[in-house]
Protein backbone atom coordinates (compact mmCIF):
# COMPACT_ATOMS: atom_id res chain seq x y z
CA MET A 1 245.79 16.62 253.32
CA MET A 2 248.34 13.89 252.79
CA ASN A 3 251.96 14.90 252.96
CA SER A 4 254.81 13.25 251.08
CA GLN A 5 256.20 11.45 254.13
CA HIS A 6 252.79 9.95 254.80
CA TYR A 7 252.60 8.87 251.15
CA LEU A 8 255.92 7.03 251.41
CA LYS A 9 254.92 5.34 254.65
CA ASP A 10 251.55 4.31 253.23
CA THR A 11 253.14 3.04 250.02
CA LEU A 12 255.36 0.70 252.01
CA LEU A 13 252.36 -0.44 254.06
CA GLN A 14 250.32 -1.20 250.92
CA LEU A 15 253.20 -3.00 249.23
CA ARG A 16 253.72 -5.16 252.32
CA LYS A 17 249.99 -5.96 252.32
CA TYR A 18 250.15 -7.06 248.68
CA LYS A 19 253.18 -9.23 249.38
CA GLU A 20 251.45 -10.84 252.34
CA MET A 21 248.21 -11.33 250.40
CA GLY A 22 250.06 -13.07 247.58
CA GLU A 23 251.90 -15.31 250.02
CA LYS A 24 248.75 -16.23 251.96
CA ALA A 25 247.01 -17.08 248.70
CA MET A 26 249.88 -19.19 247.38
CA ALA A 27 250.14 -21.01 250.72
CA GLN A 28 246.69 -22.45 250.03
CA CYS A 29 247.90 -24.14 246.82
CA SER A 30 249.67 -27.42 246.29
CA ALA A 31 253.07 -27.58 244.64
CA VAL A 32 251.38 -29.01 241.55
CA ASP A 33 248.90 -26.11 241.42
CA PHE A 34 251.75 -23.61 241.74
CA PHE A 35 252.86 -24.65 238.24
CA ARG A 36 249.43 -25.33 236.73
CA GLU A 37 248.11 -23.16 233.91
CA LEU A 38 244.37 -22.88 233.32
CA SER A 39 245.00 -22.98 229.57
CA ASP A 40 247.94 -22.79 227.18
CA VAL A 41 247.62 -18.99 227.03
CA ASP A 42 247.41 -18.42 230.80
CA ASN A 43 250.22 -17.88 233.26
CA SER A 44 250.74 -20.14 236.25
CA LEU A 45 251.40 -18.85 239.74
CA ALA A 46 255.04 -19.78 239.15
CA ILE A 47 255.26 -17.62 236.04
CA ILE A 48 253.59 -14.66 237.74
CA VAL A 49 256.02 -14.97 240.66
CA LYS A 50 258.99 -15.21 238.28
CA HIS A 51 257.79 -12.19 236.29
CA MET A 52 257.19 -10.06 239.38
CA ALA A 53 260.59 -10.98 240.80
CA GLY A 54 262.29 -10.10 237.51
CA ASN A 55 260.43 -6.82 237.32
CA MET A 56 261.35 -5.90 240.90
CA ARG A 57 264.99 -6.84 240.38
CA SER A 58 265.12 -4.56 237.36
CA ARG A 59 263.08 -1.64 238.67
CA TRP A 60 264.43 -1.30 242.19
CA ARG A 61 268.19 -1.92 241.82
CA ASP A 62 269.91 1.46 241.61
CA PHE A 63 266.43 2.97 241.63
CA LEU A 64 267.43 6.62 241.60
CA THR A 65 270.52 6.29 239.41
CA SER A 66 269.87 3.93 236.48
CA ASP A 67 267.09 3.11 234.04
CA GLY A 68 264.50 0.81 235.58
CA GLU A 69 264.81 -1.60 232.67
CA LYS A 70 268.23 -3.10 233.31
CA ASP A 71 270.38 -4.54 230.52
CA ASP A 72 270.58 -7.90 232.29
CA ARG A 73 266.81 -8.35 232.41
CA HIS A 74 265.41 -10.74 229.84
CA ARG A 75 261.70 -10.17 230.34
CA ASP A 76 260.51 -12.80 227.85
CA THR A 77 262.26 -15.54 229.82
CA GLU A 78 260.18 -14.58 232.86
CA PHE A 79 257.26 -16.23 231.06
CA GLU A 80 259.12 -19.51 230.59
CA ILE A 81 259.29 -21.86 233.51
CA TYR A 82 261.49 -24.62 232.14
CA ASP A 83 264.94 -23.57 233.27
CA SER A 84 267.28 -24.10 236.19
CA ASP A 85 265.02 -21.97 238.41
CA SER A 86 261.93 -24.10 238.01
CA SER A 87 261.44 -25.20 241.62
CA LYS A 88 258.88 -23.52 243.82
CA GLU A 89 261.56 -22.89 246.44
CA SER A 90 263.90 -21.10 244.02
CA LEU A 91 261.07 -18.99 242.61
CA MET A 92 259.87 -18.02 246.07
CA GLN A 93 263.46 -17.06 246.96
CA LYS A 94 263.49 -14.73 243.92
CA TRP A 95 260.11 -13.35 245.08
CA GLU A 96 261.62 -12.56 248.50
CA GLU A 97 264.70 -10.97 246.96
CA GLY A 98 262.55 -8.82 244.66
CA TRP A 99 260.38 -7.55 247.49
CA GLU A 100 263.47 -6.85 249.59
CA LEU A 101 264.93 -4.73 246.77
CA CYS A 102 261.62 -2.86 246.54
CA PHE A 103 261.46 -2.10 250.25
CA GLU A 104 265.15 -1.19 250.43
CA ALA A 105 264.72 1.29 247.57
CA ILE A 106 261.66 3.02 249.04
CA GLU A 107 262.49 3.03 252.76
CA PRO A 108 265.30 5.64 252.59
CA LEU A 109 263.40 8.01 250.28
CA LYS A 110 262.69 11.51 251.52
CA PRO A 111 259.72 13.65 250.47
CA GLU A 112 261.95 15.76 248.24
CA ASP A 113 262.95 12.60 246.31
CA LEU A 114 259.41 12.18 245.00
CA GLU A 115 259.89 14.96 242.46
CA LYS A 116 263.20 13.65 241.10
CA THR A 117 263.20 12.26 237.58
CA ILE A 118 264.08 8.65 236.88
CA TYR A 119 263.72 6.57 233.73
CA ILE A 120 262.00 3.32 232.88
CA ARG A 121 262.74 2.08 229.36
CA GLY A 122 264.01 5.54 228.56
CA GLU A 123 260.73 7.19 229.56
CA ALA A 124 260.98 9.93 232.20
CA HIS A 125 258.96 9.48 235.40
CA THR A 126 258.99 11.34 238.66
CA VAL A 127 259.86 9.03 241.53
CA LEU A 128 256.23 9.36 242.65
CA GLU A 129 255.00 8.25 239.20
CA ALA A 130 257.45 5.35 239.12
CA ILE A 131 256.34 4.15 242.56
CA ASN A 132 252.67 4.40 241.55
CA ARG A 133 253.42 2.51 238.33
CA GLN A 134 254.96 -0.34 240.29
CA LEU A 135 252.34 -0.31 243.04
CA THR A 136 249.55 -0.75 240.49
CA HIS A 137 251.55 -3.35 238.55
CA TYR A 138 252.05 -5.44 241.66
CA ALA A 139 248.40 -5.08 242.71
CA TYR A 140 247.39 -6.33 239.25
CA HIS A 141 249.56 -9.43 239.52
CA VAL A 142 248.71 -10.16 243.16
CA GLY A 143 245.07 -10.07 242.08
CA GLN A 144 245.91 -12.72 239.49
CA ILE A 145 247.68 -14.78 242.15
CA VAL A 146 244.66 -14.59 244.45
CA TYR A 147 242.28 -15.51 241.64
CA LEU A 148 244.31 -18.55 240.61
CA ALA A 149 244.94 -19.68 244.19
CA ARG A 150 241.25 -19.38 245.00
CA HIS A 151 240.37 -21.36 241.88
CA PHE A 152 242.81 -24.15 242.76
CA ALA A 153 241.87 -24.25 246.46
CA GLY A 154 238.17 -24.53 245.64
CA ALA A 155 236.03 -25.30 248.68
CA ASN A 156 239.15 -25.32 250.88
CA TRP A 157 239.80 -21.62 250.21
CA LYS A 158 240.32 -19.50 253.34
CA SER A 159 239.29 -15.92 252.66
CA LEU A 160 242.00 -13.26 252.79
CA SER A 161 239.47 -10.62 253.80
CA ILE A 162 235.86 -10.71 254.96
CA PRO A 163 234.42 -14.01 253.72
CA LYS A 164 231.52 -13.93 251.29
CA GLY A 165 228.21 -13.75 253.12
CA GLU A 166 229.77 -12.67 256.43
CA SER A 167 229.90 -8.89 256.02
CA ASP A 168 227.29 -8.26 258.70
CA SER A 169 229.33 -10.15 261.31
CA TYR A 170 232.25 -7.73 260.96
CA ASP A 171 232.37 -4.35 262.65
CA VAL A 172 234.78 -1.53 261.95
CA SER A 173 236.02 0.13 265.11
CA LYS A 174 236.71 3.84 265.43
CA ASN A 175 240.44 3.27 264.79
CA GLY A 176 239.73 1.45 261.51
CA GLU A 177 240.38 -2.09 262.75
CA VAL A 178 238.01 -4.80 261.58
CA ARG A 179 236.63 -6.85 264.45
CA LYS A 180 234.59 -10.01 264.11
CA GLU A 181 231.56 -9.89 266.36
């Protein structure tokens, strides 16, 4: 049975994996591809990064003490890229800052905090529910990042997990590590 302390530790581990996966995917894209949209209704990598950073800034600041939808968040502008923050470097800095806020909010939590009530857009959530909400939200967007990065990288794509067609050449050890044979 999983205890609450294990849940918190595993949550941080999974969030760090999603962050790393997104970064490894984006590293395989050119600066031009970072801003490219597949169509006029699709989001670019830049927009997804900006949205995630805005979401994290809002959700994780004063996590236990204020509504997760902060008054200074302007969500709709997260889907516009033509502003003073339109360089890849500035967007990636916001990405880093957002993840740091996330980790700093979760790291000090104690098991008893998981049952506390917090609010997001006025809707009550336990801390556990709020963390799960964000974990799934970030997984959703990192999946989009990976999909777009893979599309743009094409034949140059370096797999972030076991490459297609190579499953048989990987072995899982008793401690859960994947080893290439």
